[in-house]
């Protein structure tokens, strides 16, 4: 390696690692801010918190690495231009392409490493993070109880609250509890509704007291006589204060290292994604085929397979067929047909929602597959956006280059987010949505590289002004011609 290549590479690497550490620190702080509710107030060891952050860090790389390359390229090449180092290189016959040679090799190696990282490390860390997150959620019952939905605590209670408050979320409003009875295992026969509640427990105790205030207690009465049971008898009582003791032994013995069965598209490697996508596609196609066949048989058309012109039956013909039956029977036939149509419409509507969910899941898996390739190509393309742009603007440091880099990266990132959101519901193909932002940046990188290597600015203002002047000058001369 020549001295010039070593100098450029070392300068780039120093800035690269500095920017990477700073950006990684910022994104980790953002992660702490997002998940502070899941970590605070649970008496977790600092080792568990650090492990949580360690597992969540790899999923930040697809954001941090491309931004780091863009910022570093702008800063380094802006410094070279600002300090006239590129001018000195060009005076000795060294072009911009030649100066970028060592960095191009580094970026290619880095892109390949990013691809391997996305294919191997990120799926592993995603599973570890989601697994640890679920185990941490079981440490504190107050965190398990979510607002606006039923949450199970232990084996006997399903609790729903409208609102939580307090420094430990111990105060509850609009509490609904479904209590299971071991002697009646076939359902939830006891319902407790209270306006307010409070979670209280003594330090070191394995019992949690749920104190309910101003509520009602409903208990279904099970009758042996089927006729009496049809009346659905129940017992109701009102209480001003009612305490429920919940055994916390299972929560206090929660193993945060326990391996749960978790699965989402970000936990798969490429080889596994190919298998999963193929399996989901086959299953999806099979479900559509079976549903269409089922609807065809339900319509009754298959019974008229011997009639070749069944599609051309007119309204008059149908009325003639109805006239064969008595008036009372005709009304029954019409009502039956209407009910069948309504049932078919409901069935199609429910299946439509089911297929929409399956389509969304399949699209997510396809996007997860392409994301592994996109990360590698994004590193290369953003380098060829940042490096020539830094040489053109001729400004280094953390000021203007940082602003330009953030604007470019936010544009790149937001295009990708909007495209992926559109792809989830089937508006865009997953392949197009995943590659769209990178493909948009590709011509920009080619154009900037061409402008920088030919010693041109982003816009040639002098040439633009001259062309405008010639245009107006030509119009003025045309107006001065004699008639």
Protein backbone atom coordinates (compact mmCIF):
# COMPACT_ATOMS: atom_id res chain seq x y z
CA UNK A 1 0.00 0.00 0.00
CA UNK A 2 1.37 3.36 -1.00
CA UNK A 3 1.76 6.22 1.45
CA UNK A 4 -1.12 8.20 -0.10
CA UNK A 5 -3.53 5.25 0.13
CA UNK A 6 -2.48 4.61 3.72
CA UNK A 7 -2.94 8.27 4.63
CA UNK A 8 -6.44 8.49 3.13
CA UNK A 9 -7.51 5.16 4.64
CA UNK A 10 -6.22 5.96 8.14
CA UNK A 11 -7.86 9.39 8.06
CA UNK A 12 -11.14 7.84 6.95
CA UNK A 13 -11.01 5.05 9.57
CA UNK A 14 -10.35 7.48 12.44
CA UNK A 15 -13.36 9.57 11.49
CA UNK A 16 -15.45 6.48 10.73
CA UNK A 17 -15.04 4.90 14.16
CA UNK A 18 -15.54 8.23 15.94
CA UNK A 19 -18.80 8.92 14.08
CA UNK A 20 -19.96 5.31 14.49
CA UNK A 21 -19.48 5.39 18.27
CA UNK A 22 -21.27 8.75 18.58
CA UNK A 23 -24.23 7.68 16.45
CA UNK A 24 -24.46 4.30 18.15
CA UNK A 25 -24.52 6.01 21.52
CA UNK A 26 -27.34 8.32 20.36
CA UNK A 27 -29.44 5.44 19.03
CA UNK A 28 -28.88 3.37 22.19
CA UNK A 29 -30.07 6.32 24.27
CA UNK A 30 -33.15 6.47 22.06
CA UNK A 31 -33.71 2.77 22.71
CA UNK A 32 -33.47 3.33 26.46
CA UNK A 33 -36.03 6.12 26.13
CA UNK A 34 -38.40 3.88 24.16
CA UNK A 35 -38.20 0.90 26.51
CA UNK A 36 -37.65 2.63 29.85
CA UNK A 37 -41.14 1.57 31.00
CA UNK A 38 -40.15 -2.08 30.58
CA UNK A 39 -36.93 -1.72 32.58
CA UNK A 40 -37.64 0.80 35.33
CA UNK A 41 -39.09 -0.13 38.70
CA UNK A 42 -38.43 -3.87 38.47
CA UNK A 43 -35.33 -4.19 40.66
CA UNK A 44 -33.38 -5.63 37.74
CA UNK A 45 -29.68 -6.25 38.05
CA UNK A 46 -27.52 -3.86 36.08
CA UNK A 47 -26.22 -6.91 34.24
CA UNK A 48 -29.73 -7.68 32.94
CA UNK A 49 -30.17 -4.09 31.73
CA UNK A 50 -26.79 -4.15 29.99
CA UNK A 51 -27.65 -7.49 28.41
CA UNK A 52 -30.93 -5.99 27.15
CA UNK A 53 -29.02 -3.13 25.50
CA UNK A 54 -26.40 -5.53 24.14
CA UNK A 55 -29.04 -7.66 22.44
CA UNK A 56 -30.90 -4.65 21.03
CA UNK A 57 -27.76 -2.99 19.61
CA UNK A 58 -27.32 -5.20 16.49
CA UNK A 59 -30.79 -4.29 15.21
CA UNK A 60 -29.60 -0.65 15.15
CA UNK A 61 -26.78 -1.40 12.70
CA UNK A 62 -28.94 -1.11 9.53
CA UNK A 63 -29.60 2.50 10.58
CA UNK A 64 -26.26 3.46 12.10
CA UNK A 65 -23.87 1.96 9.54
CA UNK A 66 -25.20 3.64 6.34
CA UNK A 67 -25.51 6.97 8.15
CA UNK A 68 -21.96 6.61 9.48
CA UNK A 69 -20.59 5.98 5.99
CA UNK A 70 -22.47 8.98 4.58
CA UNK A 71 -21.36 11.37 7.34
CA UNK A 72 -17.74 10.14 7.33
CA UNK A 73 -17.42 10.42 3.56
CA UNK A 74 -18.77 13.97 3.58
CA UNK A 75 -16.50 15.04 6.44
CA UNK A 76 -13.28 13.43 5.20
CA UNK A 77 -13.56 14.46 1.56
CA UNK A 78 -14.83 17.87 2.58
CA UNK A 79 -11.72 18.33 4.72
CA UNK A 80 -9.47 17.20 1.88
CA UNK A 81 -11.04 19.75 -0.45
CA UNK A 82 -11.15 22.54 2.13
CA UNK A 83 -7.45 22.10 2.95
CA UNK A 84 -6.55 21.94 -0.77
CA UNK A 85 -5.18 18.40 -0.37
CA UNK A 86 -7.15 17.25 -3.40
CA UNK A 87 -5.73 20.19 -5.35
CA UNK A 88 -2.22 19.04 -4.43
CA UNK A 89 -3.06 15.48 -5.49
CA UNK A 90 -4.46 16.64 -8.81
CA UNK A 91 -1.38 18.77 -9.46
CA UNK A 92 0.70 15.58 -9.33
CA UNK A 93 -1.68 13.78 -11.70
CA UNK A 94 -3.69 11.85 -9.09
CA UNK A 95 -7.40 11.86 -9.94
CA UNK A 96 -10.31 11.56 -7.54
CA UNK A 97 -10.92 7.96 -8.61
CA UNK A 98 -7.32 7.10 -7.79
CA UNK A 99 -7.62 8.79 -4.39
CA UNK A 100 -10.76 6.81 -3.63
CA UNK A 101 -9.24 3.45 -4.55
CA UNK A 102 -8.22 2.29 -1.05
CA UNK A 103 -11.51 3.48 0.43
CA UNK A 104 -13.48 1.72 -2.30
CA UNK A 105 -11.83 -1.59 -1.35
CA UNK A 106 -12.58 -0.89 2.32
CA UNK A 107 -16.24 -0.09 1.61
CA UNK A 108 -16.64 -3.26 -0.45
CA UNK A 109 -15.22 -5.36 2.39
CA UNK A 110 -17.39 -3.49 4.87
CA UNK A 111 -20.49 -4.10 2.75
CA UNK A 112 -19.78 -7.84 2.58
CA UNK A 113 -19.27 -7.88 6.35
CA UNK A 114 -22.55 -6.00 6.82
CA UNK A 115 -24.31 -8.62 4.71
CA UNK A 116 -22.92 -11.47 6.84
CA UNK A 117 -23.81 -9.51 9.98
CA UNK A 118 -27.39 -8.99 8.79
CA UNK A 119 -27.74 -12.67 7.89
CA UNK A 120 -26.23 -14.20 11.02
CA UNK A 121 -25.90 -11.82 13.96
CA UNK A 122 -29.07 -9.73 13.67
CA UNK A 123 -31.48 -12.75 13.61
CA UNK A 124 -29.74 -14.21 16.67
CA UNK A 125 -29.80 -10.90 18.57
CA UNK A 126 -33.43 -10.29 17.59
CA UNK A 127 -34.47 -13.59 19.16
CA UNK A 128 -32.37 -12.97 22.28
CA UNK A 129 -33.79 -9.46 22.66
CA UNK A 130 -37.42 -10.47 22.22
CA UNK A 131 -36.93 -13.45 24.53
CA UNK A 132 -35.33 -11.35 27.28
CA UNK A 133 -38.00 -8.67 26.83
CA UNK A 134 -40.78 -11.23 27.39
CA UNK A 135 -39.06 -12.66 30.47
CA UNK A 136 -38.54 -9.19 31.95
CA UNK A 137 -42.23 -8.41 31.46
CA UNK A 138 -43.10 -11.34 33.75
CA UNK A 139 -40.99 -10.00 36.61
CA UNK A 140 -43.54 -7.33 37.62
CA UNK A 141 -47.30 -8.01 37.49
CA UNK A 142 -48.05 -4.28 37.24
CA UNK A 143 -46.12 -4.26 33.96
CA UNK A 144 -47.95 -7.35 32.71
CA UNK A 145 -51.31 -5.62 33.19
CA UNK A 146 -51.77 -3.60 30.02
CA UNK A 147 -54.30 -0.83 29.59
CA UNK A 148 -57.35 -1.58 27.49
CA UNK A 149 -56.86 -5.34 27.13
CA UNK A 150 -57.11 -8.53 29.18
CA UNK A 151 -53.84 -9.68 30.76
CA UNK A 152 -53.38 -12.99 32.51
CA UNK A 153 -51.76 -13.07 35.96
CA UNK A 154 -51.12 -16.54 37.20
CA UNK A 155 -53.49 -19.33 36.23
CA UNK A 156 -56.69 -17.98 37.79
CA UNK A 157 -57.03 -14.30 36.85
CA UNK A 158 -57.56 -12.34 33.65
CA UNK A 159 -57.46 -8.61 34.39
CA UNK A 160 -58.35 -5.63 32.24
CA UNK A 161 -57.91 -2.01 33.36
CA UNK A 162 -58.92 1.21 31.67
CA UNK A 163 -56.09 3.30 33.07
CA UNK A 164 -53.00 2.94 35.29
CA UNK A 165 -51.36 5.67 37.34
CA UNK A 166 -48.92 6.18 40.18
CA UNK A 167 -45.14 5.99 40.35
CA UNK A 168 -45.31 2.18 40.10
CA UNK A 169 -48.56 1.95 38.09
CA UNK A 170 -50.21 0.67 41.27
CA UNK A 171 -53.45 2.65 40.95
CA UNK A 172 -56.02 1.16 38.57
CA UNK A 173 -59.28 2.46 37.10
CA UNK A 174 -62.20 0.62 35.48
CA UNK A 175 -61.07 -2.84 36.55
CA UNK A 176 -62.64 -5.97 35.03
CA UNK A 177 -61.55 -9.39 36.34
CA UNK A 178 -62.46 -12.84 35.03
CA UNK A 179 -61.74 -15.32 37.79
CA UNK A 180 -61.35 -19.02 37.13
CA UNK A 181 -62.64 -21.62 39.56
CA UNK A 182 -60.64 -24.90 39.71
CA UNK A 183 -63.84 -26.76 40.61
CA UNK A 184 -65.49 -25.48 37.39
CA UNK A 185 -62.82 -25.80 34.70
CA UNK A 186 -65.11 -25.36 31.71
CA UNK A 187 -65.22 -21.55 31.69
CA UNK A 188 -64.98 -18.22 33.52
CA UNK A 189 -68.10 -18.09 35.69
CA UNK A 190 -67.03 -15.26 38.01
CA UNK A 191 -66.74 -11.63 36.87
CA UNK A 192 -65.66 -8.77 39.14
CA UNK A 193 -66.08 -5.14 38.04
CA UNK A 194 -64.76 -2.23 40.08
CA UNK A 195 -64.37 1.50 39.54
CA UNK A 196 -60.95 1.69 41.23
CA UNK A 197 -58.23 -0.61 42.41
CA UNK A 198 -54.77 -0.64 43.93
CA UNK A 199 -51.89 -3.11 43.83
CA UNK A 200 -50.18 -3.43 47.20
CA UNK A 201 -47.64 -5.84 48.68
CA UNK A 202 -45.16 -5.90 51.51
CA UNK A 203 -41.44 -5.97 50.79
CA UNK A 204 -40.18 -9.52 50.48
CA UNK A 205 -43.69 -10.98 50.39
CA UNK A 206 -44.78 -13.52 47.77
CA UNK A 207 -48.39 -12.31 47.96
CA UNK A 208 -49.78 -9.39 45.98
CA UNK A 209 -52.96 -7.77 47.28
CA UNK A 210 -55.35 -6.31 44.73
CA UNK A 211 -57.68 -3.99 46.63
CA UNK A 212 -60.86 -3.17 44.69
CA UNK A 213 -63.26 -0.37 45.58
CA UNK A 214 -66.86 0.37 44.58
CA UNK A 215 -67.65 -2.62 42.46
CA UNK A 216 -69.92 -5.57 41.76
CA UNK A 217 -69.36 -9.31 41.96
CA UNK A 218 -71.15 -11.55 39.44
CA UNK A 219 -71.18 -15.32 39.73
CA UNK A 220 -72.99 -17.60 37.28
CA UNK A 221 -75.07 -20.23 39.04
CA UNK A 222 -74.73 -23.65 37.44
CA UNK A 223 -77.93 -25.68 37.43
CA UNK A 224 -78.15 -29.41 36.85
CA UNK A 225 -81.56 -29.04 35.26
CA UNK A 226 -81.06 -27.99 31.58
CA UNK A 227 -84.35 -26.10 31.54
CA UNK A 228 -83.37 -24.00 34.54
CA UNK A 229 -79.93 -23.43 33.08
CA UNK A 230 -81.53 -21.81 30.01
CA UNK A 231 -82.57 -18.95 32.25
CA UNK A 232 -78.86 -18.24 32.89
CA UNK A 233 -79.20 -17.59 36.64
CA UNK A 234 -76.47 -15.64 38.42
CA UNK A 235 -75.72 -14.12 41.81
CA UNK A 236 -74.82 -10.44 42.12
CA UNK A 237 -73.40 -8.56 45.06
CA UNK A 238 -72.10 -5.04 45.64
CA UNK A 239 -68.97 -4.19 47.61
CA UNK A 240 -67.29 -1.01 48.77
CA UNK A 241 -63.92 -2.71 49.19
CA UNK A 242 -62.82 -6.17 48.19
CA UNK A 243 -59.31 -7.67 48.44
CA UNK A 244 -57.88 -10.39 46.24
CA UNK A 245 -54.59 -12.05 47.15
CA UNK A 246 -52.47 -13.26 44.24
CA UNK A 247 -49.60 -15.69 44.74
CA UNK A 248 -46.42 -14.17 43.24
CA UNK A 249 -44.20 -17.18 43.71
CA UNK A 250 -44.15 -17.84 39.96
CA UNK A 251 -43.28 -14.20 39.24
CA UNK A 252 -40.53 -13.99 41.86
CA UNK A 253 -39.01 -17.17 40.45
CA UNK A 254 -39.09 -15.86 36.89
CA UNK A 255 -36.02 -16.96 34.95
CA UNK A 256 -34.94 -14.13 32.64
CA UNK A 257 -32.70 -16.60 30.83
CA UNK A 258 -35.59 -18.91 29.93
CA UNK A 259 -35.84 -19.75 26.22
CA UNK A 260 -39.32 -19.09 24.83
CA UNK A 261 -40.76 -20.12 21.50
CA UNK A 262 -40.71 -16.89 19.52
CA UNK A 263 -40.83 -16.29 15.80
CA UNK A 264 -40.94 -13.30 13.49
CA UNK A 265 -39.44 -12.43 10.14
CA UNK A 266 -36.38 -10.72 11.68
CA UNK A 267 -35.26 -13.91 13.45
CA UNK A 268 -34.59 -15.92 10.29
CA UNK A 269 -31.45 -16.34 8.22
CA UNK A 270 -31.58 -16.26 4.44
CA UNK A 271 -31.72 -20.03 4.08
CA UNK A 272 -34.57 -20.17 6.60
CA UNK A 273 -36.38 -17.27 4.95
CA UNK A 274 -36.40 -19.04 1.58
CA UNK A 275 -38.02 -22.10 3.16
CA UNK A 276 -40.50 -20.04 5.16
CA UNK A 277 -41.52 -17.89 2.19
CA UNK A 278 -42.03 -20.97 0.03
CA UNK A 279 -44.11 -22.61 2.76
CA UNK A 280 -46.24 -19.50 3.31
CA UNK A 281 -46.78 -19.05 -0.43
CA UNK A 282 -47.89 -22.65 -0.93
CA UNK A 283 -50.19 -22.47 2.09
CA UNK A 284 -51.65 -19.15 0.94
CA UNK A 285 -52.35 -20.44 -2.57
CA UNK A 286 -53.89 -23.62 -1.16
CA UNK A 287 -56.19 -21.64 1.16
CA UNK A 288 -57.42 -19.47 -1.73
CA UNK A 289 -58.06 -22.52 -3.92
CA UNK A 290 -59.93 -24.39 -1.17
CA UNK A 291 -62.02 -21.35 -0.30
CA UNK A 292 -62.98 -20.75 -3.94
CA UNK A 293 -63.95 -24.42 -4.35
CA UNK A 294 -65.96 -24.30 -1.13
CA UNK A 295 -67.84 -21.19 -2.25
CA UNK A 296 -68.48 -22.80 -5.63
CA UNK A 297 -70.02 -25.88 -4.03
CA UNK A 298 -72.05 -23.78 -1.58
CA UNK A 299 -73.54 -21.83 -4.45
CA UNK A 300 -75.12 -25.02 -5.79
CA UNK A 301 -73.93 -24.36 -9.35
CA UNK A 302 -72.16 -27.73 -9.39
CA UNK A 303 -75.55 -29.45 -9.27
CA UNK A 304 -76.39 -27.95 -12.66
CA UNK A 305 -73.22 -29.15 -14.37
CA UNK A 306 -75.30 -31.00 -16.97
CA UNK A 307 -76.79 -27.74 -18.19
CA UNK A 308 -74.40 -26.08 -20.58
CA UNK A 309 -76.25 -22.75 -20.67
CA UNK A 310 -76.73 -22.19 -16.98
CA UNK A 311 -75.01 -18.79 -17.22
CA UNK A 312 -77.62 -17.51 -19.66
CA UNK A 313 -80.68 -18.10 -17.45
CA UNK A 314 -82.83 -14.97 -17.54
CA UNK A 315 -84.96 -13.37 -14.83
CA UNK A 316 -88.11 -14.51 -16.63
CA UNK A 317 -86.90 -18.10 -16.51
CA UNK A 318 -86.25 -17.87 -12.76
CA UNK A 319 -89.72 -16.44 -12.22
CA UNK A 320 -91.16 -19.30 -14.27
CA UNK A 321 -89.34 -21.81 -12.08
CA UNK A 322 -90.66 -20.10 -8.93
CA UNK A 323 -94.22 -20.25 -10.28
CA UNK A 324 -94.05 -24.03 -10.16
CA UNK A 325 -94.15 -23.85 -6.35
CA UNK A 326 -97.05 -22.62 -4.18
CA UNK A 327 -97.04 -18.97 -3.05
CA UNK A 328 -96.02 -19.83 0.50
CA UNK A 329 -93.21 -22.05 -0.74
CA UNK A 330 -92.01 -19.30 -3.12
CA UNK A 331 -91.50 -16.90 -0.21
CA UNK A 332 -89.54 -19.55 1.69
CA UNK A 333 -87.32 -20.19 -1.34
CA UNK A 334 -86.60 -16.48 -1.79
CA UNK A 335 -85.83 -16.05 1.94
CA UNK A 336 -83.52 -19.07 1.81
CA UNK A 337 -81.72 -17.64 -1.23
CA UNK A 338 -81.32 -14.25 0.46
CA UNK A 339 -79.96 -15.88 3.63
CA UNK A 340 -77.50 -17.91 1.55
CA UNK A 341 -76.34 -14.73 -0.19
CA UNK A 342 -75.93 -12.90 3.13
CA UNK A 343 -74.00 -15.83 4.56
CA UNK A 344 -71.79 -15.94 1.49
CA UNK A 345 -71.06 -12.20 1.76
CA UNK A 346 -70.17 -12.55 5.45
CA UNK A 347 -67.95 -15.53 4.71
CA UNK A 348 -66.18 -13.65 1.92
CA UNK A 349 -65.69 -10.63 4.20
CA UNK A 350 -64.17 -12.67 7.02
CA UNK A 351 -61.95 -14.58 4.61
CA UNK A 352 -60.87 -11.31 3.04
CA UNK A 353 -59.55 -10.10 6.40
CA UNK A 354 -57.88 -13.46 7.01
CA UNK A 355 -56.17 -13.37 3.62
CA UNK A 356 -55.10 -9.78 4.26
CA UNK A 357 -53.31 -10.87 7.45
CA UNK A 358 -51.62 -13.74 5.62
CA UNK A 359 -50.60 -11.44 2.76
CA UNK A 360 -49.10 -8.97 5.22
CA UNK A 361 -47.12 -11.72 6.95
CA UNK A 362 -45.82 -13.09 3.64
CA UNK A 363 -44.81 -9.59 2.50
CA UNK A 364 -42.93 -9.01 5.74
CA UNK A 365 -40.92 -12.19 5.23
CA UNK A 366 -40.06 -11.20 1.66
CA UNK A 367 -38.95 -7.72 2.78
CA UNK A 368 -36.84 -9.25 5.55
CA UNK A 369 -35.06 -11.33 2.90
CA UNK A 370 -34.29 -8.35 0.64
CA UNK A 371 -33.24 -6.18 3.60
CA UNK A 372 -30.12 -8.32 4.00
CA UNK A 373 -29.01 -7.43 0.47
CA UNK A 374 -30.11 -3.81 0.69
CA UNK A 375 -27.88 -3.09 3.69
CA UNK A 376 -24.77 -4.10 1.74
CA UNK A 377 -25.69 -2.11 -1.38
CA UNK A 378 -26.75 0.92 0.69
CA UNK A 379 -23.25 1.12 2.20
CA UNK A 380 -21.68 1.24 -1.26
CA UNK A 381 -24.13 3.70 -2.80
CA UNK A 382 -24.13 6.12 0.15
CA UNK A 383 -20.32 6.16 0.05
CA UNK A 384 -20.44 7.25 -3.58
CA UNK A 385 -22.99 9.89 -2.60
CA UNK A 386 -21.04 11.27 0.36
CA UNK A 387 -17.48 11.16 -1.00
CA UNK A 388 -18.00 13.17 -4.23
CA UNK A 389 -20.47 15.50 -2.51
CA UNK A 390 -17.87 16.28 0.15
CA UNK A 391 -15.29 16.99 -2.56
CA UNK A 392 -17.75 19.33 -4.30
CA UNK A 393 -18.99 21.37 -1.31
CA UNK A 394 -15.39 21.69 0.01
CA UNK A 395 -16.42 21.95 3.63
CA UNK A 396 -15.32 19.62 6.41
CA UNK A 397 -16.05 19.31 10.10
CA UNK A 398 -19.31 18.62 11.90
CA UNK A 399 -21.27 21.61 10.58
CA UNK A 400 -22.53 21.68 7.01
CA UNK A 401 -21.52 18.06 6.19
CA UNK A 402 -23.55 16.77 9.14
CA UNK A 403 -26.62 18.78 8.08
CA UNK A 404 -26.36 17.61 4.47
CA UNK A 405 -25.81 14.00 5.55
CA UNK A 406 -28.81 14.01 7.89
CA UNK A 407 -31.08 15.52 5.21
CA UNK A 408 -29.96 12.95 2.64
CA UNK A 409 -30.24 10.04 5.05
CA UNK A 410 -33.67 11.08 6.34
CA UNK A 411 -34.87 11.31 2.75
CA UNK A 412 -33.44 7.86 2.06
CA UNK A 413 -34.86 6.41 5.29
CA UNK A 414 -38.35 7.93 5.03
CA UNK A 415 -38.76 6.75 1.44
CA UNK A 416 -37.92 3.25 2.63
CA UNK A 417 -40.38 3.42 5.55
CA UNK A 418 -43.28 4.68 3.43
CA UNK A 419 -42.56 2.10 0.74
CA UNK A 420 -42.45 -0.78 3.24
CA UNK A 421 -45.67 0.35 4.89
CA UNK A 422 -47.29 0.35 1.45
CA UNK A 423 -45.89 -3.11 0.73
CA UNK A 424 -47.37 -4.63 3.91
CA UNK A 425 -50.92 -4.13 2.67
CA UNK A 426 -50.05 -5.15 -0.89
CA UNK A 427 -50.00 -1.68 -2.48
CA UNK A 428 -46.37 -2.17 -3.55
CA UNK A 429 -44.48 -5.36 -4.30
CA UNK A 430 -42.09 -6.22 -1.40
CA UNK A 431 -39.11 -6.28 -3.79
CA UNK A 432 -39.86 -2.77 -5.09
CA UNK A 433 -40.58 -1.40 -1.62
CA UNK A 434 -37.33 -2.73 -0.16
CA UNK A 435 -35.09 -1.52 -2.98
CA UNK A 436 -36.87 1.74 -3.81
CA UNK A 437 -34.86 4.14 -1.63
CA UNK A 438 -31.55 2.52 -2.64
CA UNK A 439 -32.44 2.64 -6.34
CA UNK A 440 -33.36 6.33 -6.03
CA UNK A 441 -29.95 7.06 -4.49
CA UNK A 442 -28.11 5.14 -7.24
CA UNK A 443 -28.44 7.75 -10.04
CA UNK A 444 -27.62 10.49 -7.52
CA UNK A 445 -24.37 8.72 -6.62
CA UNK A 446 -23.46 8.28 -10.30
CA UNK A 447 -24.23 11.93 -11.10
CA UNK A 448 -22.29 13.30 -8.10
CA UNK A 449 -19.30 11.07 -8.86
CA UNK A 450 -19.29 12.28 -12.46
CA UNK A 451 -19.51 15.95 -11.40
CA UNK A 452 -16.73 15.55 -8.85
CA UNK A 453 -14.33 13.69 -11.15
CA UNK A 454 -14.81 16.31 -13.90
CA UNK A 455 -14.19 19.21 -11.46
CA UNK A 456 -17.71 20.55 -11.77
CA UNK A 457 -19.97 21.87 -9.05
CA UNK A 458 -23.38 20.56 -8.21
CA UNK A 459 -24.88 23.23 -10.43
CA UNK A 460 -23.02 25.26 -13.04
CA UNK A 461 -24.61 28.61 -12.25
CA UNK A 462 -22.43 30.60 -14.71
CA UNK A 463 -23.41 28.38 -17.61
CA UNK A 464 -27.07 28.61 -16.57
CA UNK A 465 -26.94 32.42 -16.43
CA UNK A 466 -25.19 32.59 -19.81
CA UNK A 467 -27.86 30.41 -21.41
CA UNK A 468 -30.65 32.56 -19.94
CA UNK A 469 -28.83 35.67 -21.18
CA UNK A 470 -28.44 34.26 -24.68
CA UNK A 471 -32.13 33.30 -24.70
CA UNK A 472 -33.31 36.79 -23.77
CA UNK A 473 -30.72 38.36 -26.07
CA UNK A 474 -32.01 36.35 -28.98
CA UNK A 475 -35.60 37.40 -28.25
CA UNK A 476 -34.57 41.07 -28.06
CA UNK A 477 -32.76 40.89 -31.40
CA UNK A 478 -35.80 39.23 -32.98
CA UNK A 479 -38.00 42.05 -31.75
CA UNK A 480 -35.67 44.69 -33.25
CA UNK A 481 -35.82 43.25 -36.79
CA UNK A 482 -37.46 45.65 -39.32
CA UNK A 483 -40.90 44.76 -40.57
